């Protein structure tokens, strides 16, 4: 019986490990960084008038492991008569990437498509790098806070609890709460950390399976909603700028932009596409939407009148990039002192609660 129980326990642990690893595992998915380097390499090789299959052979040499195998598999499929867009499914399932390659194949200009792709990925990586750099300080403060609080509860508070137990003094309520928290952490530390891991896994699964819910929440949170909305518009505008500069028709470009990762924005782009197909102007097509404001519509109207719609999207891209950067900087600069104040309140509260009996004892003397 005991052996059976042990086997069940081991099997449950293994199952749990598989579930957690499946959440964190990338399942062979190609990273955007790899798509960026692939697109950039393909553009420069095609620009140099090197054949598509030869370009893939040259690109494959620069990689190792699974990604190299995928590129070589793509080359073999093209050589055996498969369409370029179908062959590139061996590398990635990214809809934006594949749709662009399909368009490039149809118009006979894969060079322009790969240029647009690498410019798009380069732009996104630059934006992410800026946000990541700005996020370092608040994250480091939060981690420091967790470490300090854990050390206080795990090692410092128990010593004071022992002293107060020897004295036999009636403890104030705040001190009792902190001591009880310390005891709970000491007794159930493994369970505590397991719960944290489960919460992280739950949040990751929720984010993965309920992206539309996460987007709706993001659009309701003050400050965050403006930054999130601007980032969505920026991604859309950057895609439109790349596509229209490659002489891809506006409606076709909108169809490609429907495959972005922003579900709510995709729904609005569908509405715009339908209105344009009915013959409406850009101003009317982009009206009564949550994401696109009057300023955005104004720029598009000018672009439509001048016939420089690609240049308009390029200008809007620059405007929104600066706006996102500025708003992110302001938000994180507010977060810096806020996180320090929060850290001070929490740690100060713990220290004050522990020292409170000593202060009362001093008053009695």
Protein backbone atom coordinates (compact mmCIF):
# COMPACT_ATOMS: atom_id res chain seq x y z
CA UNK A 1 0.00 0.00 0.00
CA UNK A 2 2.77 2.39 0.94
CA UNK A 3 4.63 1.63 -2.31
CA UNK A 4 1.45 2.34 -4.31
CA UNK A 5 0.99 5.66 -2.49
CA UNK A 6 4.61 6.60 -3.19
CA UNK A 7 4.18 5.71 -6.87
CA UNK A 8 1.03 7.84 -7.07
CA UNK A 9 2.82 10.74 -5.39
CA UNK A 10 5.78 10.47 -7.77
CA UNK A 11 3.47 10.24 -10.79
CA UNK A 12 1.52 13.29 -9.61
CA UNK A 13 4.76 15.26 -9.18
CA UNK A 14 5.86 14.23 -12.68
CA UNK A 15 2.49 15.24 -14.12
CA UNK A 16 2.71 18.56 -12.31
CA UNK A 17 6.21 19.08 -13.66
CA UNK A 18 5.02 18.33 -17.19
CA UNK A 19 2.18 20.87 -16.86
CA UNK A 20 4.50 23.58 -15.54
CA UNK A 21 7.17 22.85 -18.16
CA UNK A 22 4.54 22.97 -20.92
CA UNK A 23 3.56 26.45 -19.75
CA UNK A 24 7.11 27.80 -19.75
CA UNK A 25 8.29 25.78 -22.75
CA UNK A 26 8.27 27.57 -26.08
CA UNK A 27 7.20 24.37 -27.92
CA UNK A 28 9.74 24.93 -30.70
CA UNK A 29 8.25 28.29 -31.56
CA UNK A 30 10.58 30.55 -33.51
CA UNK A 31 11.41 33.74 -31.63
CA UNK A 32 10.86 37.13 -33.20
CA UNK A 33 14.60 37.77 -32.89
CA UNK A 34 15.25 34.81 -35.21
CA UNK A 35 12.61 35.97 -37.68
CA UNK A 36 14.27 39.39 -37.66
CA UNK A 37 17.73 38.02 -38.51
CA UNK A 38 16.24 35.64 -41.10
CA UNK A 39 14.26 38.45 -42.80
CA UNK A 40 17.24 40.80 -42.78
CA UNK A 41 19.54 38.18 -44.28
CA UNK A 42 16.98 37.19 -46.93
CA UNK A 43 16.44 40.82 -47.94
CA UNK A 44 20.14 41.54 -48.43
CA UNK A 45 20.72 38.30 -50.35
CA UNK A 46 17.69 38.79 -52.62
CA UNK A 47 18.76 42.41 -53.14
CA UNK A 48 22.07 41.02 -54.36
CA UNK A 49 20.16 39.04 -57.01
CA UNK A 50 20.84 35.66 -55.36
CA UNK A 51 18.20 33.00 -56.02
CA UNK A 52 15.68 32.23 -53.25
CA UNK A 53 16.83 28.64 -52.65
CA UNK A 54 20.49 29.68 -52.70
CA UNK A 55 19.68 32.46 -50.21
CA UNK A 56 18.09 29.92 -47.88
CA UNK A 57 21.20 27.69 -48.14
CA UNK A 58 23.47 30.61 -47.24
CA UNK A 59 21.20 31.72 -44.36
CA UNK A 60 21.01 28.18 -42.92
CA UNK A 61 24.80 28.10 -42.40
CA UNK A 62 24.48 30.93 -39.84
CA UNK A 63 22.28 28.87 -37.53
CA UNK A 64 22.50 25.66 -35.54
CA UNK A 65 20.04 23.07 -34.29
CA UNK A 66 16.31 23.05 -35.00
CA UNK A 67 16.12 26.45 -36.69
CA UNK A 68 18.74 25.41 -39.25
CA UNK A 69 16.76 22.23 -39.98
CA UNK A 70 13.60 24.29 -40.51
CA UNK A 71 15.33 26.57 -43.04
CA UNK A 72 16.76 23.60 -44.95
CA UNK A 73 13.34 21.90 -44.90
CA UNK A 74 11.84 25.07 -46.38
CA UNK A 75 14.42 25.05 -49.17
CA UNK A 76 13.65 21.41 -50.03
CA UNK A 77 9.92 22.13 -50.20
CA UNK A 78 10.44 25.03 -52.62
CA UNK A 79 12.72 22.85 -54.78
CA UNK A 80 10.05 20.12 -54.86
CA UNK A 81 7.47 22.59 -56.22
CA UNK A 82 5.73 23.89 -53.11
CA UNK A 83 4.64 27.53 -53.00
CA UNK A 84 6.96 29.87 -51.09
CA UNK A 85 4.33 30.76 -48.46
CA UNK A 86 3.51 27.08 -47.85
CA UNK A 87 7.19 26.20 -47.64
CA UNK A 88 7.84 28.91 -45.04
CA UNK A 89 5.24 27.27 -42.77
CA UNK A 90 8.09 24.88 -41.92
CA UNK A 91 9.83 27.82 -40.22
CA UNK A 92 6.98 29.62 -38.47
CA UNK A 93 3.23 29.66 -38.02
CA UNK A 94 3.16 33.44 -37.59
CA UNK A 95 0.21 34.67 -39.68
CA UNK A 96 1.64 38.13 -40.31
CA UNK A 97 4.90 36.67 -41.61
CA UNK A 98 3.25 34.06 -43.84
CA UNK A 99 0.64 36.45 -45.27
CA UNK A 100 3.36 38.92 -46.21
CA UNK A 101 5.42 36.20 -47.88
CA UNK A 102 2.30 35.10 -49.78
CA UNK A 103 1.69 38.66 -51.01
CA UNK A 104 5.36 38.98 -51.99
CA UNK A 105 5.10 35.75 -53.96
CA UNK A 106 1.93 36.92 -55.74
CA UNK A 107 3.30 40.33 -56.73
CA UNK A 108 6.74 38.88 -57.51
CA UNK A 109 8.60 41.08 -55.04
CA UNK A 110 9.87 38.99 -52.14
CA UNK A 111 12.78 41.40 -51.70
CA UNK A 112 10.43 44.25 -50.68
CA UNK A 113 8.48 41.91 -48.38
CA UNK A 114 11.56 40.73 -46.49
CA UNK A 115 12.71 44.33 -46.20
CA UNK A 116 9.35 45.27 -44.65
CA UNK A 117 9.52 42.28 -42.31
CA UNK A 118 13.01 42.99 -41.02
CA UNK A 119 12.24 46.71 -40.58
CA UNK A 120 9.11 45.80 -38.63
CA UNK A 121 10.93 43.36 -36.32
CA UNK A 122 13.83 45.78 -35.88
CA UNK A 123 11.40 48.50 -34.84
CA UNK A 124 9.60 46.21 -32.35
CA UNK A 125 12.85 45.07 -30.77
CA UNK A 126 13.97 48.66 -30.35
CA UNK A 127 10.69 49.52 -28.62
CA UNK A 128 10.88 46.48 -26.33
CA UNK A 129 14.48 47.26 -25.43
CA UNK A 130 13.52 50.79 -24.38
CA UNK A 131 10.64 49.52 -22.22
CA UNK A 132 12.82 46.75 -20.72
CA UNK A 133 15.57 49.22 -19.81
CA UNK A 134 13.08 51.52 -18.14
CA UNK A 135 11.54 48.60 -16.20
CA UNK A 136 14.79 47.45 -14.58
CA UNK A 137 14.65 49.81 -11.58
CA UNK A 138 11.02 49.13 -10.45
CA UNK A 139 11.53 45.37 -10.86
CA UNK A 140 14.79 45.42 -8.88
CA UNK A 141 13.08 47.39 -6.08
CA UNK A 142 10.23 44.87 -5.97
CA UNK A 143 12.63 41.90 -5.82
CA UNK A 144 14.62 43.64 -3.08
CA UNK A 145 11.42 44.22 -1.11
CA UNK A 146 10.46 40.53 -1.32
CA UNK A 147 13.94 39.43 -0.19
CA UNK A 148 14.03 41.87 2.77
CA UNK A 149 10.52 40.95 3.93
CA UNK A 150 11.31 37.22 3.66
CA UNK A 151 14.54 37.64 5.67
CA UNK A 152 12.73 39.66 8.35
CA UNK A 153 9.90 37.15 8.70
CA UNK A 154 12.12 34.08 8.48
CA UNK A 155 15.12 35.05 10.64
CA UNK A 156 14.64 38.33 12.54
CA UNK A 157 11.06 38.11 13.80
CA UNK A 158 11.49 34.63 15.42
CA UNK A 159 14.30 35.98 17.65
CA UNK A 160 12.11 38.83 18.90
CA UNK A 161 9.23 36.38 19.38
CA UNK A 162 11.47 34.24 21.62
CA UNK A 163 12.50 37.29 23.67
CA UNK A 164 8.86 38.36 24.17
CA UNK A 165 7.91 34.78 25.06
CA UNK A 166 10.59 34.73 27.82
CA UNK A 167 9.41 38.08 29.20
CA UNK A 168 5.79 36.92 29.25
CA UNK A 169 4.46 40.35 28.31
CA UNK A 170 1.05 40.75 26.66
CA UNK A 171 1.78 41.67 23.03
CA UNK A 172 -0.04 44.33 20.99
CA UNK A 173 -2.25 43.08 18.15
CA UNK A 174 0.07 44.29 15.28
CA UNK A 175 3.00 42.39 16.87
CA UNK A 176 0.92 39.21 17.20
CA UNK A 177 -0.07 39.41 13.53
CA UNK A 178 3.57 39.76 12.39
CA UNK A 179 4.75 36.94 14.67
CA UNK A 180 1.97 34.66 13.40
CA UNK A 181 2.93 35.48 9.81
CA UNK A 182 6.53 34.60 10.65
CA UNK A 183 5.45 31.28 12.17
CA UNK A 184 3.30 30.48 9.13
CA UNK A 185 6.19 31.21 6.78
CA UNK A 186 8.51 29.04 8.87
CA UNK A 187 6.06 26.13 9.07
CA UNK A 188 4.64 26.27 5.56
CA UNK A 189 7.47 27.82 3.53
CA UNK A 190 7.41 25.05 0.90
CA UNK A 191 3.64 25.33 0.52
CA UNK A 192 3.99 29.12 0.37
CA UNK A 193 6.47 28.99 -2.52
CA UNK A 194 4.43 26.25 -4.24
CA UNK A 195 1.36 28.52 -4.08
CA UNK A 196 3.37 31.39 -5.62
CA UNK A 197 4.49 29.10 -8.48
CA UNK A 198 0.90 27.92 -9.02
CA UNK A 199 -0.32 31.52 -9.10
CA UNK A 200 2.34 32.38 -11.71
CA UNK A 201 1.36 29.33 -13.80
CA UNK A 202 -2.33 30.22 -13.45
CA UNK A 203 -1.70 33.80 -14.58
CA UNK A 204 0.37 32.60 -17.55
CA UNK A 205 -2.37 30.16 -18.59
CA UNK A 206 -5.02 32.84 -18.13
CA UNK A 207 -3.03 35.28 -20.24
CA UNK A 208 -2.44 32.66 -22.94
CA UNK A 209 -6.05 31.42 -23.13
CA UNK A 210 -7.95 34.67 -22.39
CA UNK A 211 -6.04 37.33 -24.30
CA UNK A 212 -9.19 39.25 -25.14
CA UNK A 213 -10.10 39.44 -21.42
CA UNK A 214 -6.59 40.74 -20.59
CA UNK A 215 -6.93 43.36 -23.32
CA UNK A 216 -10.31 44.51 -21.99
CA UNK A 217 -8.88 44.82 -18.48
CA UNK A 218 -5.85 46.75 -19.79
CA UNK A 219 -8.19 49.19 -21.57
CA UNK A 220 -10.02 49.94 -18.30
CA UNK A 221 -7.07 50.51 -15.95
CA UNK A 222 -6.21 54.24 -15.60
CA UNK A 223 -2.84 55.32 -17.09
CA UNK A 224 -2.20 51.77 -18.35
CA UNK A 225 -5.07 51.99 -20.87
CA UNK A 226 -3.54 55.00 -22.64
CA UNK A 227 -0.11 53.36 -22.88
CA UNK A 228 -1.58 50.05 -24.04
CA UNK A 229 -3.79 51.74 -26.64
CA UNK A 230 -0.85 53.76 -27.99
CA UNK A 231 1.32 50.61 -28.22
CA UNK A 232 -1.44 48.81 -30.18
CA UNK A 233 -1.83 51.76 -32.57
CA UNK A 234 1.94 52.03 -32.91
CA UNK A 235 2.25 48.35 -33.93
CA UNK A 236 -0.60 48.74 -36.43
CA UNK A 237 0.86 51.95 -37.87
CA UNK A 238 4.32 50.45 -38.18
CA UNK A 239 2.87 47.46 -40.07
CA UNK A 240 0.86 49.75 -42.38
CA UNK A 241 3.92 51.92 -42.99
CA UNK A 242 6.00 48.88 -43.99
CA UNK A 243 3.28 47.41 -46.19
CA UNK A 244 2.23 50.57 -48.03
CA UNK A 245 5.87 51.55 -48.63
CA UNK A 246 6.24 48.19 -50.40
CA UNK A 247 3.50 49.26 -52.84
CA UNK A 248 0.97 46.86 -51.33
CA UNK A 249 -2.61 48.22 -51.82
CA UNK A 250 -4.23 49.81 -48.76
CA UNK A 251 -7.09 47.30 -48.41
CA UNK A 252 -4.67 44.37 -48.83
CA UNK A 253 -2.41 45.91 -46.18
CA UNK A 254 -5.37 46.17 -43.80
CA UNK A 255 -6.20 42.52 -44.38
CA UNK A 256 -2.65 41.59 -43.41
CA UNK A 257 -2.82 43.75 -40.28
CA UNK A 258 -5.86 41.78 -39.09
CA UNK A 259 -3.47 39.00 -38.11
CA UNK A 260 -1.78 41.01 -35.37
CA UNK A 261 -1.73 39.87 -31.73
CA UNK A 262 -4.11 42.65 -30.60
CA UNK A 263 -7.54 41.00 -30.88
CA UNK A 264 -9.67 44.09 -30.14
CA UNK A 265 -7.71 46.20 -32.61
CA UNK A 266 -8.10 43.45 -35.24
CA UNK A 267 -11.88 43.76 -34.90
CA UNK A 268 -11.67 47.48 -35.59
CA UNK A 269 -9.38 46.95 -38.58
CA UNK A 270 -11.99 44.55 -40.03
CA UNK A 271 -14.60 47.33 -39.76
CA UNK A 272 -12.26 49.76 -41.53
CA UNK A 273 -11.60 47.22 -44.30
CA UNK A 274 -15.33 46.63 -44.90
CA UNK A 275 -16.05 50.37 -45.05
CA UNK A 276 -13.24 50.98 -47.56
CA UNK A 277 -14.47 48.10 -49.74
CA UNK A 278 -17.85 49.84 -49.83
CA UNK A 279 -16.14 52.95 -51.16
CA UNK A 280 -16.10 55.14 -48.05
CA UNK A 281 -13.33 57.67 -47.40
CA UNK A 282 -10.52 57.02 -44.92
CA UNK A 283 -12.02 59.62 -42.56
CA UNK A 284 -15.38 57.83 -42.42
CA UNK A 285 -13.77 54.38 -42.38
CA UNK A 286 -11.70 55.21 -39.28
CA UNK A 287 -14.59 57.03 -37.48
CA UNK A 288 -16.46 55.75 -34.37
CA UNK A 289 -13.65 53.45 -33.28
CA UNK A 290 -12.09 53.03 -29.81
CA UNK A 291 -8.46 53.04 -30.87
CA UNK A 292 -8.22 55.73 -33.55
CA UNK A 293 -8.75 59.30 -32.35
CA UNK A 294 -9.44 62.54 -34.24
CA UNK A 295 -5.74 63.34 -34.63
CA UNK A 296 -5.09 59.99 -36.32
CA UNK A 297 -8.06 60.45 -38.67
CA UNK A 298 -6.85 63.95 -39.51
CA UNK A 299 -3.45 62.68 -40.65
CA UNK A 300 -5.08 59.97 -42.77
CA UNK A 301 -7.39 62.52 -44.41
CA UNK A 302 -4.37 64.62 -45.42
CA UNK A 303 -2.59 61.52 -46.73
CA UNK A 304 -5.66 60.55 -48.76
CA UNK A 305 -5.91 64.03 -50.32
CA UNK A 306 -2.20 64.26 -51.17
CA UNK A 307 -1.91 60.65 -52.28
CA UNK A 308 0.98 60.10 -49.86
CA UNK A 309 -0.65 57.53 -47.59
CA UNK A 310 2.63 55.64 -47.05
CA UNK A 311 4.35 58.84 -45.90
CA UNK A 312 1.38 59.55 -43.60
CA UNK A 313 1.75 56.19 -41.87
CA UNK A 314 5.49 56.79 -41.59
CA UNK A 315 4.87 60.15 -39.86
CA UNK A 316 2.23 58.64 -37.57
CA UNK A 317 4.66 55.85 -36.67
CA UNK A 318 7.27 58.39 -35.57
CA UNK A 319 4.68 60.40 -33.59
CA UNK A 320 3.34 57.36 -31.74
CA UNK A 321 6.78 55.94 -31.09
CA UNK A 322 7.79 59.16 -29.30
CA UNK A 323 4.45 59.21 -27.48
CA UNK A 324 4.78 55.63 -26.25
CA UNK A 325 8.36 56.25 -25.18
CA UNK A 326 7.41 59.44 -23.31
CA UNK A 327 4.36 57.96 -21.58
CA UNK A 328 6.25 54.81 -20.60
CA UNK A 329 9.07 56.90 -19.13
CA UNK A 330 6.60 59.03 -17.14
CA UNK A 331 4.73 55.94 -15.88
CA UNK A 332 7.91 54.19 -14.78
CA UNK A 333 9.30 57.38 -13.20
CA UNK A 334 6.11 57.58 -11.13
CA UNK A 335 6.45 53.88 -10.33
CA UNK A 336 10.02 54.33 -9.02
CA UNK A 337 9.20 56.57 -5.99
CA UNK A 338 5.88 54.75 -5.52
CA UNK A 339 7.69 51.40 -5.22
CA UNK A 340 10.22 52.88 -2.76
CA UNK A 341 7.40 54.39 -0.66
CA UNK A 342 5.57 51.05 -0.69
CA UNK A 343 8.77 49.25 0.32
CA UNK A 344 9.31 51.75 3.16
CA UNK A 345 5.73 51.41 4.43
CA UNK A 346 5.79 47.60 4.43
CA UNK A 347 9.25 47.20 6.01
CA UNK A 348 8.66 50.11 8.36
CA UNK A 349 5.33 48.59 9.40
CA UNK A 350 6.97 45.23 10.17
CA UNK A 351 9.80 46.84 12.16
CA UNK A 352 7.40 49.11 14.07
CA UNK A 353 5.09 46.19 14.92
CA UNK A 354 8.02 44.16 16.26
CA UNK A 355 9.47 47.06 18.27
CA UNK A 356 6.12 48.18 19.69
CA UNK A 357 6.34 46.01 22.85
CA UNK A 358 9.82 47.44 23.57
CA UNK A 359 8.47 50.99 23.29
CA UNK A 360 5.64 50.13 25.71
CA UNK A 361 8.08 48.47 28.08
CA UNK A 362 10.21 51.64 28.03
CA UNK A 363 7.16 53.76 28.89
CA UNK A 364 6.39 51.52 31.90
CA UNK A 365 9.92 52.01 33.21
